[in-house]
N, C-alpha and C. Protein backbone atom coordinates (compact mmCIF):
# COMPACT_ATOMS: atom_id res chain seq x y z
N UNK A 1 -72.04 21.80 85.73
CA UNK A 1 -71.10 20.99 85.61
C UNK A 1 -70.95 20.22 84.42
N UNK A 2 -69.24 20.12 83.85
CA UNK A 2 -69.52 19.15 83.23
C UNK A 2 -69.75 17.42 83.12
N UNK A 3 -70.11 17.11 82.28
CA UNK A 3 -70.53 15.19 82.38
C UNK A 3 -69.04 15.05 82.29
N UNK A 4 -68.40 13.71 83.42
CA UNK A 4 -67.56 12.84 83.09
C UNK A 4 -67.63 12.17 82.27
N UNK A 5 -66.87 11.75 81.52
CA UNK A 5 -66.82 10.38 80.41
C UNK A 5 -66.45 9.11 80.98
N UNK A 6 -67.66 8.20 81.15
CA UNK A 6 -67.07 6.98 81.32
C UNK A 6 -65.96 6.50 80.68
N UNK A 7 -64.93 5.37 81.34
CA UNK A 7 -64.08 5.04 80.80
C UNK A 7 -64.70 3.93 79.51
N UNK A 8 -63.50 3.12 78.97
CA UNK A 8 -64.65 1.86 77.94
C UNK A 8 -63.10 0.97 78.51
N UNK A 9 -63.59 0.25 79.59
CA UNK A 9 -62.39 -0.85 80.11
C UNK A 9 -62.40 -1.53 79.84
N UNK A 10 -62.07 -3.05 80.63
CA UNK A 10 -61.96 -4.32 79.85
C UNK A 10 -63.54 -5.09 80.78
N UNK A 11 -63.40 -4.27 81.51
CA UNK A 11 -65.00 -4.95 82.53
C UNK A 11 -65.98 -4.31 81.68
N UNK A 12 -65.86 -2.82 81.15
CA UNK A 12 -67.04 -2.64 80.63
C UNK A 12 -67.05 -3.42 79.64
N UNK A 13 -66.17 -3.61 78.48
CA UNK A 13 -66.40 -4.30 77.15
C UNK A 13 -67.20 -5.46 77.61
N UNK A 14 -66.25 -6.87 78.73
CA UNK A 14 -67.06 -7.98 79.22
C UNK A 14 -68.84 -8.05 79.33
N UNK A 15 -69.19 -6.73 80.00
CA UNK A 15 -70.79 -6.42 80.36
C UNK A 15 -71.10 -6.41 78.96
N UNK A 16 -71.00 -5.62 78.43
CA UNK A 16 -71.34 -5.08 77.24
C UNK A 16 -71.48 -6.27 75.93
N UNK A 17 -70.79 -7.13 75.86
CA UNK A 17 -70.87 -8.44 75.23
C UNK A 17 -71.17 -9.22 75.96
N UNK A 18 -71.56 -9.37 77.02
CA UNK A 18 -72.42 -10.32 77.99
C UNK A 18 -74.12 -10.23 78.29
N UNK A 19 -74.13 -8.84 77.87
CA UNK A 19 -75.47 -7.73 77.41
C UNK A 19 -76.05 -7.33 78.21
N UNK A 20 -75.41 -7.57 79.43
CA UNK A 20 -75.70 -6.78 80.76
C UNK A 20 -75.87 -5.15 80.87
N UNK A 21 -77.06 -4.91 80.98
CA UNK A 21 -77.72 -3.74 81.49
C UNK A 21 -77.06 -3.18 82.40
N UNK A 22 -76.13 -2.06 82.19
CA UNK A 22 -75.67 -1.71 83.58
C UNK A 22 -75.44 0.17 83.81
N UNK A 23 -75.17 0.33 84.87
CA UNK A 23 -75.75 1.99 85.06
C UNK A 23 -73.93 2.13 84.99
N UNK A 24 -74.02 3.17 84.60
CA UNK A 24 -72.05 3.73 84.86
C UNK A 24 -71.91 4.87 85.79
N UNK A 25 -71.19 4.56 86.96
CA UNK A 25 -71.40 5.71 87.58
C UNK A 25 -70.06 6.63 87.93
N UNK A 26 -68.95 7.30 87.43
CA UNK A 26 -68.44 8.03 87.51
C UNK A 26 -67.89 8.74 88.55
N UNK A 27 -67.02 9.74 89.45
CA UNK A 27 -67.17 10.06 90.70
C UNK A 27 -65.66 10.15 91.15
N UNK A 28 -65.42 11.28 91.60
CA UNK A 28 -64.01 11.73 92.22
C UNK A 28 -63.62 11.00 93.07
N UNK A 29 -62.22 10.33 92.27
CA UNK A 29 -61.39 9.27 93.65
C UNK A 29 -60.78 9.85 94.09
N UNK A 30 -60.62 9.54 95.68
CA UNK A 30 -59.72 9.91 96.66
C UNK A 30 -58.89 8.50 97.17
N UNK A 31 -57.09 8.85 97.08
CA UNK A 31 -56.15 7.80 97.22
C UNK A 31 -56.77 7.03 98.63
N UNK A 32 -56.64 5.70 98.76
CA UNK A 32 -56.87 5.39 100.11
C UNK A 32 -58.56 5.57 100.89
N UNK A 33 -59.29 5.53 100.15
CA UNK A 33 -60.90 6.58 100.49
C UNK A 33 -61.67 5.32 100.46
N UNK A 34 -61.27 4.09 99.35
CA UNK A 34 -62.32 2.80 99.51
C UNK A 34 -63.52 3.13 99.76
N UNK A 35 -64.02 2.20 99.67
CA UNK A 35 -65.96 2.34 99.41
C UNK A 35 -66.31 2.86 100.08
N UNK A 36 -66.28 3.93 101.26
CA UNK A 36 -66.57 4.76 102.11
C UNK A 36 -67.31 5.93 101.05
N UNK A 37 -65.77 6.84 100.33
CA UNK A 37 -65.74 7.85 99.58
C UNK A 37 -66.54 7.21 98.56
N UNK A 38 -66.32 6.38 97.78
CA UNK A 38 -67.18 5.85 96.28
C UNK A 38 -69.30 5.94 96.91
N UNK A 39 -69.32 5.28 97.97
CA UNK A 39 -70.61 5.41 98.44
C UNK A 39 -71.58 6.86 99.07
N UNK A 40 -70.03 8.05 99.94
CA UNK A 40 -70.56 8.74 99.55
C UNK A 40 -70.73 9.87 98.30
N UNK A 41 -69.65 9.61 97.36
CA UNK A 41 -69.69 10.58 96.26
C UNK A 41 -71.13 10.08 95.47
N UNK A 42 -71.45 9.09 95.56
CA UNK A 42 -72.46 8.72 94.59
C UNK A 42 -74.03 8.78 95.57
N UNK A 43 -73.83 9.15 97.20
CA UNK A 43 -75.23 8.57 97.16
C UNK A 43 -75.63 7.07 97.71
N UNK A 44 -75.03 6.27 97.92
CA UNK A 44 -75.43 5.28 98.57
C UNK A 44 -75.33 4.44 100.22
N UNK A 45 -75.48 3.13 99.86
CA UNK A 45 -75.53 2.48 101.21
C UNK A 45 -73.83 1.75 100.88
N UNK A 46 -72.97 1.99 102.20
CA UNK A 46 -71.93 1.27 101.60
C UNK A 46 -71.86 0.10 101.64
N UNK A 47 -73.24 -1.01 101.84
CA UNK A 47 -73.13 -2.13 102.16
C UNK A 47 -73.78 -2.55 101.24
N UNK A 48 -74.07 -1.69 99.58
CA UNK A 48 -73.91 -2.25 98.43
C UNK A 48 -73.35 -2.36 97.22
N UNK A 49 -71.76 -1.00 98.12
CA UNK A 49 -71.00 -0.83 97.22
C UNK A 49 -70.00 -1.93 97.59
N UNK A 50 -69.36 -2.94 96.55
CA UNK A 50 -69.25 -4.28 96.75
C UNK A 50 -66.93 -3.83 96.38
N UNK A 51 -66.71 -4.53 97.07
CA UNK A 51 -65.00 -4.32 96.95
C UNK A 51 -64.55 -5.29 96.39
N UNK A 52 -63.75 -5.77 95.41
CA UNK A 52 -63.04 -6.38 94.71
C UNK A 52 -61.73 -6.60 95.25
N UNK A 53 -61.41 -7.80 96.25
CA UNK A 53 -60.23 -8.01 96.41
C UNK A 53 -59.18 -9.00 96.40
N UNK A 54 -57.89 -8.71 95.29
CA UNK A 54 -57.16 -10.04 95.23
C UNK A 54 -55.90 -10.88 96.15
N UNK A 55 -56.51 -11.93 95.96
CA UNK A 55 -55.59 -12.36 97.40
C UNK A 55 -54.82 -13.25 96.57
N UNK A 56 -54.49 -14.20 97.59
CA UNK A 56 -53.79 -15.74 97.02
C UNK A 56 -53.61 -16.56 97.78
N UNK A 57 -53.76 -17.87 98.17
CA UNK A 57 -53.88 -18.87 98.94
C UNK A 57 -51.95 -19.17 99.07
N UNK A 58 -51.81 -20.01 100.04
CA UNK A 58 -50.73 -20.87 100.45
C UNK A 58 -49.35 -20.77 99.52
N UNK A 59 -49.89 -21.36 98.35
CA UNK A 59 -49.21 -21.68 96.50
C UNK A 59 -49.16 -20.50 95.95
N UNK A 60 -49.74 -19.75 96.06
CA UNK A 60 -49.75 -18.30 95.97
C UNK A 60 -50.43 -18.05 94.62
N UNK A 61 -51.55 -18.97 94.13
CA UNK A 61 -52.35 -19.26 93.40
C UNK A 61 -53.49 -18.03 94.25
N UNK A 62 -54.27 -17.32 92.28
CA UNK A 62 -54.66 -15.83 92.73
C UNK A 62 -56.18 -16.38 92.77
N UNK A 63 -56.62 -15.34 93.99
CA UNK A 63 -58.14 -15.66 93.92
C UNK A 63 -58.93 -14.58 94.40
N UNK A 64 -60.36 -14.23 93.25
CA UNK A 64 -61.38 -12.63 93.77
C UNK A 64 -62.42 -13.16 94.32
N UNK A 65 -62.16 -12.00 95.80
CA UNK A 65 -63.20 -11.94 96.59
C UNK A 65 -64.26 -11.17 96.73
N UNK A 66 -65.16 -10.92 96.38
CA UNK A 66 -66.27 -10.18 96.79
C UNK A 66 -66.81 -9.17 98.01
N UNK A 67 -66.81 -8.99 98.49
CA UNK A 67 -67.12 -8.39 100.09
C UNK A 67 -67.95 -6.90 99.81
N UNK A 68 -69.17 -7.10 101.18
CA UNK A 68 -69.44 -5.77 101.22
C UNK A 68 -68.79 -4.44 101.47
N UNK A 69 -68.50 -3.07 100.92
CA UNK A 69 -67.83 -2.34 101.44
C UNK A 69 -67.24 -2.12 102.91
N UNK A 70 -68.73 -2.34 103.66
CA UNK A 70 -68.55 -1.78 105.55
C UNK A 70 -67.90 -2.81 106.12
N UNK A 71 -67.63 -4.13 105.16
CA UNK A 71 -67.28 -5.32 106.06
C UNK A 71 -65.89 -5.90 105.65
N UNK A 72 -65.38 -6.25 106.72
CA UNK A 72 -63.70 -7.21 106.23
C UNK A 72 -64.00 -8.55 105.95
N UNK A 73 -62.86 -9.00 105.23
CA UNK A 73 -62.71 -10.60 104.95
C UNK A 73 -62.24 -11.23 105.97
N UNK A 74 -62.47 -12.04 106.65
CA UNK A 74 -62.25 -13.35 107.37
C UNK A 74 -61.60 -14.49 106.51
N UNK A 75 -60.09 -13.53 106.69
CA UNK A 75 -59.26 -15.24 105.14
C UNK A 75 -59.40 -16.39 106.38
N UNK A 76 -59.12 -16.58 107.86
CA UNK A 76 -59.23 -17.80 108.07
C UNK A 76 -60.55 -18.50 107.70
N UNK A 77 -61.86 -17.92 107.96
CA UNK A 77 -63.00 -18.58 107.16
C UNK A 77 -62.72 -19.02 105.93
N UNK A 78 -62.51 -18.03 105.01
CA UNK A 78 -62.21 -17.72 103.65
C UNK A 78 -61.47 -19.40 103.01
N UNK A 79 -60.47 -19.26 103.96
CA UNK A 79 -59.86 -20.82 103.62
C UNK A 79 -60.27 -21.72 103.36
N UNK A 80 -60.78 -21.68 105.17
CA UNK A 80 -61.57 -23.09 105.74
C UNK A 80 -62.57 -23.78 104.57
N UNK A 81 -63.78 -22.59 104.17
CA UNK A 81 -64.67 -22.62 103.32
C UNK A 81 -64.20 -22.81 101.98
N UNK A 82 -63.23 -22.60 101.42
CA UNK A 82 -62.91 -23.34 100.48
C UNK A 82 -61.72 -24.10 100.39
N UNK A 83 -61.15 -24.74 101.09
CA UNK A 83 -60.45 -25.55 101.70
C UNK A 83 -58.90 -25.77 101.39
N UNK A 84 -58.24 -24.62 101.49
CA UNK A 84 -56.83 -24.34 101.64
C UNK A 84 -56.19 -23.96 102.40
N UNK A 85 -55.16 -24.53 103.17
CA UNK A 85 -54.66 -23.89 104.42
C UNK A 85 -54.40 -22.78 104.42
N UNK A 86 -54.18 -21.24 103.94
CA UNK A 86 -54.44 -20.06 104.31
C UNK A 86 -54.31 -19.35 102.88
N UNK A 87 -55.40 -18.05 103.63
CA UNK A 87 -55.81 -17.16 101.58
C UNK A 87 -54.47 -15.25 102.93
N UNK A 88 -53.99 -14.99 101.75
CA UNK A 88 -53.79 -13.73 102.20
C UNK A 88 -53.79 -12.97 101.34
N UNK A 89 -53.69 -11.07 101.38
CA UNK A 89 -54.16 -10.00 100.46
C UNK A 89 -52.99 -9.84 99.43
N UNK A 90 -52.83 -10.05 98.42
CA UNK A 90 -51.88 -9.57 97.63
C UNK A 90 -51.40 -8.60 97.15
N UNK A 91 -49.83 -8.56 97.71
CA UNK A 91 -49.65 -6.82 97.30
C UNK A 91 -50.22 -6.27 96.44
N UNK A 92 -49.68 -4.88 96.32
CA UNK A 92 -50.47 -4.19 95.10
C UNK A 92 -49.84 -4.94 93.96
N UNK A 93 -48.75 -4.58 93.60
CA UNK A 93 -47.43 -5.60 92.81
C UNK A 93 -48.78 -6.54 92.26
N UNK A 94 -48.51 -7.14 92.85
CA UNK A 94 -49.55 -8.99 92.17
C UNK A 94 -50.58 -8.88 92.24
N UNK A 95 -51.58 -7.81 92.61
CA UNK A 95 -53.05 -7.56 92.32
C UNK A 95 -52.78 -7.54 90.87
N UNK A 96 -52.23 -6.14 90.94
CA UNK A 96 -52.34 -5.47 89.36
C UNK A 96 -51.68 -6.42 88.16
N UNK A 97 -50.39 -7.21 88.83
CA UNK A 97 -49.95 -8.12 87.85
C UNK A 97 -51.44 -9.13 87.55
N UNK A 98 -51.79 -10.33 88.46
CA UNK A 98 -53.27 -10.85 88.07
C UNK A 98 -54.58 -9.99 87.21
N UNK A 99 -54.43 -8.93 87.96
CA UNK A 99 -55.75 -8.81 87.49
C UNK A 99 -55.90 -8.05 86.27
N UNK A 100 -55.07 -7.32 85.80
CA UNK A 100 -54.48 -6.53 84.60
C UNK A 100 -55.09 -4.55 84.98
N UNK A 101 -55.90 -4.69 86.72
CA UNK A 101 -56.43 -3.23 86.98
C UNK A 101 -55.01 -2.83 88.18
N UNK A 102 -55.21 -1.33 88.41
CA UNK A 102 -54.70 -0.42 89.65
C UNK A 102 -55.14 -1.23 90.58
N UNK A 103 -54.84 -1.30 91.63
CA UNK A 103 -55.27 -0.87 92.82
C UNK A 103 -56.16 0.17 93.35
N UNK A 104 -57.48 -0.09 93.62
CA UNK A 104 -58.16 1.26 93.63
C UNK A 104 -59.40 1.34 92.54
N UNK A 105 -58.94 0.59 91.42
CA UNK A 105 -59.94 0.44 90.02
C UNK A 105 -60.03 -1.72 89.61
N UNK A 106 -59.80 -1.85 90.94
CA UNK A 106 -59.20 -3.67 90.07
C UNK A 106 -60.91 -3.84 90.14
N UNK A 107 -61.56 -4.86 89.16
CA UNK A 107 -62.79 -5.09 88.75
C UNK A 107 -62.78 -6.92 88.68
N UNK A 108 -63.85 -7.31 89.60
CA UNK A 108 -63.94 -8.74 88.83
C UNK A 108 -64.27 -9.30 87.42
N UNK A 109 -64.77 -8.07 86.89
CA UNK A 109 -65.12 -8.38 85.29
C UNK A 109 -63.77 -7.95 84.25
N UNK A 110 -63.37 -8.64 83.21
CA UNK A 110 -62.24 -8.50 82.31
C UNK A 110 -61.39 -9.06 83.25
N UNK A 111 -60.87 -9.29 84.14
CA UNK A 111 -59.45 -9.94 84.57
C UNK A 111 -58.52 -10.08 83.64
N UNK A 112 -56.86 -10.10 83.76
CA UNK A 112 -56.27 -10.45 82.75
C UNK A 112 -55.78 -11.80 82.88
N UNK A 113 -56.14 -12.73 84.30
CA UNK A 113 -56.02 -13.90 84.43
C UNK A 113 -57.06 -14.53 85.09
N UNK A 114 -57.67 -15.94 84.90
CA UNK A 114 -58.92 -16.26 85.01
C UNK A 114 -58.61 -16.62 86.32
N UNK A 115 -59.24 -16.39 87.14
CA UNK A 115 -59.05 -16.24 88.65
C UNK A 115 -60.86 -17.11 89.22
N UNK A 116 -60.53 -17.74 90.04
CA UNK A 116 -61.62 -18.08 90.64
C UNK A 116 -62.65 -16.42 91.58
N UNK A 117 -63.77 -16.75 91.30
CA UNK A 117 -64.42 -15.56 92.19
C UNK A 117 -65.23 -16.43 93.12
N UNK A 118 -64.87 -15.80 94.67
CA UNK A 118 -65.82 -15.92 95.97
C UNK A 118 -66.55 -14.64 95.80
N UNK A 119 -68.24 -15.09 96.58
CA UNK A 119 -68.62 -14.33 96.88
C UNK A 119 -69.03 -13.42 98.02
N UNK A 120 -69.06 -12.91 99.06
CA UNK A 120 -70.22 -12.91 99.78
C UNK A 120 -71.36 -13.23 99.99
N UNK A 121 -72.09 -14.28 100.27
CA UNK A 121 -73.27 -14.75 100.15
C UNK A 121 -74.55 -13.55 100.47
N UNK A 122 -74.21 -12.93 100.89
CA UNK A 122 -75.76 -11.86 101.11
C UNK A 122 -75.76 -11.01 100.28
N UNK A 123 -74.52 -10.66 99.34
CA UNK A 123 -74.14 -9.90 98.43
C UNK A 123 -75.52 -10.27 97.33
N UNK A 124 -75.68 -11.38 96.74
CA UNK A 124 -76.77 -12.13 96.01
C UNK A 124 -78.02 -11.48 96.67
N UNK A 125 -78.49 -10.88 97.73
CA UNK A 125 -80.18 -11.20 98.53
C UNK A 125 -80.03 -9.21 98.03
N UNK A 126 -78.84 -8.47 97.97
CA UNK A 126 -79.37 -7.29 97.07
C UNK A 126 -79.79 -6.54 96.03
N UNK A 127 -80.70 -5.85 96.00
CA UNK A 127 -81.18 -5.11 94.55
C UNK A 127 -80.45 -5.20 93.53
N UNK A 128 -79.90 -4.01 94.20
CA UNK A 128 -78.50 -3.49 93.51
C UNK A 128 -77.40 -3.48 93.40
N UNK A 129 -75.94 -3.76 93.34
CA UNK A 129 -75.26 -3.48 93.95
C UNK A 129 -73.94 -2.48 92.99
N UNK A 130 -73.16 -1.79 93.10
CA UNK A 130 -72.07 -0.84 93.12
C UNK A 130 -70.65 -1.76 92.69
N UNK A 131 -70.38 -2.03 92.05
CA UNK A 131 -69.07 -2.25 91.72
C UNK A 131 -68.09 -1.71 90.54
N UNK A 132 -66.83 -1.93 90.85
CA UNK A 132 -65.43 -1.08 90.27
C UNK A 132 -66.12 -1.70 88.83
N UNK A 133 -65.85 -0.46 88.22
CA UNK A 133 -65.80 -0.87 86.68
C UNK A 133 -64.71 -0.90 86.01
N UNK A 134 -63.56 -0.89 86.73
CA UNK A 134 -62.19 -0.87 85.98
C UNK A 134 -61.31 0.29 85.60
N UNK A 135 -61.38 0.63 86.61
CA UNK A 135 -61.11 1.99 86.83
C UNK A 135 -60.89 2.89 87.79
N UNK A 136 -59.85 3.10 88.47
CA UNK A 136 -59.59 4.30 89.39
C UNK A 136 -61.27 5.31 89.46
N UNK A 137 -62.18 5.44 90.67
CA UNK A 137 -63.07 6.56 90.33
C UNK A 137 -64.22 5.92 89.16
N UNK A 138 -64.26 5.08 89.19
CA UNK A 138 -65.55 4.41 88.45
C UNK A 138 -66.11 3.24 88.29
N UNK A 139 -67.60 3.14 89.32
CA UNK A 139 -68.22 2.03 89.83
C UNK A 139 -69.77 2.32 88.37
N UNK A 140 -69.78 0.38 88.11
CA UNK A 140 -71.05 0.33 87.77
C UNK A 140 -71.85 -0.32 88.31
N UNK A 141 -73.73 -0.42 88.27
CA UNK A 141 -74.49 -0.50 88.90
C UNK A 141 -75.04 -1.48 87.76
N UNK A 142 -75.97 -2.89 89.18
CA UNK A 142 -76.41 -4.07 88.26
C UNK A 142 -76.71 -4.60 89.15
N UNK A 143 -77.73 -5.98 88.77
CA UNK A 143 -78.14 -6.59 89.77
C UNK A 143 -77.40 -7.61 90.13
N UNK A 144 -77.14 -8.09 91.56
CA UNK A 144 -76.33 -9.19 91.99
C UNK A 144 -76.60 -10.37 90.50
N UNK A 145 -77.83 -10.37 90.60
CA UNK A 145 -77.98 -12.11 89.65
C UNK A 145 -77.12 -11.70 87.77
N UNK A 146 -76.98 -10.89 87.57
CA UNK A 146 -76.00 -10.73 86.30
C UNK A 146 -74.58 -10.94 86.73
N UNK A 147 -74.29 -10.12 87.73
CA UNK A 147 -72.47 -10.66 88.47
C UNK A 147 -72.46 -12.08 88.47
N UNK A 148 -73.63 -12.56 88.98
CA UNK A 148 -73.79 -14.37 89.09
C UNK A 148 -73.80 -15.19 87.49
N UNK A 149 -74.52 -14.26 86.23
CA UNK A 149 -74.69 -15.02 85.32
C UNK A 149 -73.34 -15.25 84.95
N UNK A 150 -72.70 -13.87 84.82
CA UNK A 150 -71.45 -13.33 84.31
C UNK A 150 -70.46 -14.28 84.78
N UNK A 151 -70.00 -13.74 86.42
CA UNK A 151 -68.52 -14.79 86.77
C UNK A 151 -68.54 -16.27 87.11
N UNK A 152 -70.08 -16.30 87.67
CA UNK A 152 -70.58 -17.97 88.31
C UNK A 152 -69.55 -17.43 89.80
N UNK A 153 -69.47 -16.80 90.47
CA UNK A 153 -69.08 -16.53 92.11
C UNK A 153 -69.14 -17.79 92.65
N UNK A 154 -68.69 -18.31 93.46
CA UNK A 154 -68.38 -19.55 94.25
C UNK A 154 -69.09 -18.55 95.66
N UNK A 155 -70.21 -18.69 96.25
CA UNK A 155 -70.81 -17.65 97.66
C UNK A 155 -70.32 -18.63 98.98
N UNK A 156 -69.86 -17.65 99.83
CA UNK A 156 -69.25 -17.78 100.79
C UNK A 156 -70.08 -17.30 102.37
N UNK A 157 -69.51 -17.45 103.40
CA UNK A 157 -69.61 -16.48 104.48
C UNK A 157 -68.53 -16.00 105.57
N UNK A 158 -67.94 -14.87 104.49
CA UNK A 158 -66.72 -14.83 105.16
C UNK A 158 -66.15 -13.54 105.86
N UNK A 159 -67.87 -13.05 105.81
CA UNK A 159 -67.58 -11.25 106.19
C UNK A 159 -67.55 -10.89 108.21
N UNK A 160 -66.69 -9.85 107.73
CA UNK A 160 -66.55 -9.38 109.62
C UNK A 160 -67.13 -8.17 109.58
C-alpha cells in the first residue's frame, strides 16, 4: 500500500512555525462523512475528533467553534456565552472566504482572517485530539494544551 503524502497546508506551516509536535493522519475523505468517517478511518473515538465550525453573529462577524465530533453546538448557548444576540453557521461559501479553507477541510490554524476561537471546555481535558490539518482527508493529532498555546481559544460549555 502506497503511503499517502501529507499535504503542506497553511495549518501545517503555522504548527511547524509554533514548534508544535503533531501527528499527520491522511485518510480517505468522504463527502458529507464528517467526523464519523475520519474517526472510523483512523480507528479513534469520535469524541476526540474535533470539528472546526465557522459561524457568525448577528452582525455577520465570523468566529470559529471547536466541538467534539460526536456533539452539536447549541447556538443559543454560544450566543449567550459570548454576549451576542445570535450565532448561526456560515454558508459554505462564506466559511471558505473567512477561513481560506474548503468546508470539510477547515482548520482553526492558519485561517485567512483572524477570528475569535471558542472551544468546548471538555476538549481541553482530552489527552490527545485529532483536528483538521487544512485539507479534506487530513487530520493532525496534538495535545489540546498545544492548541491552547497556539490559538488561545476561549473555553465555553455549548455542546449538546
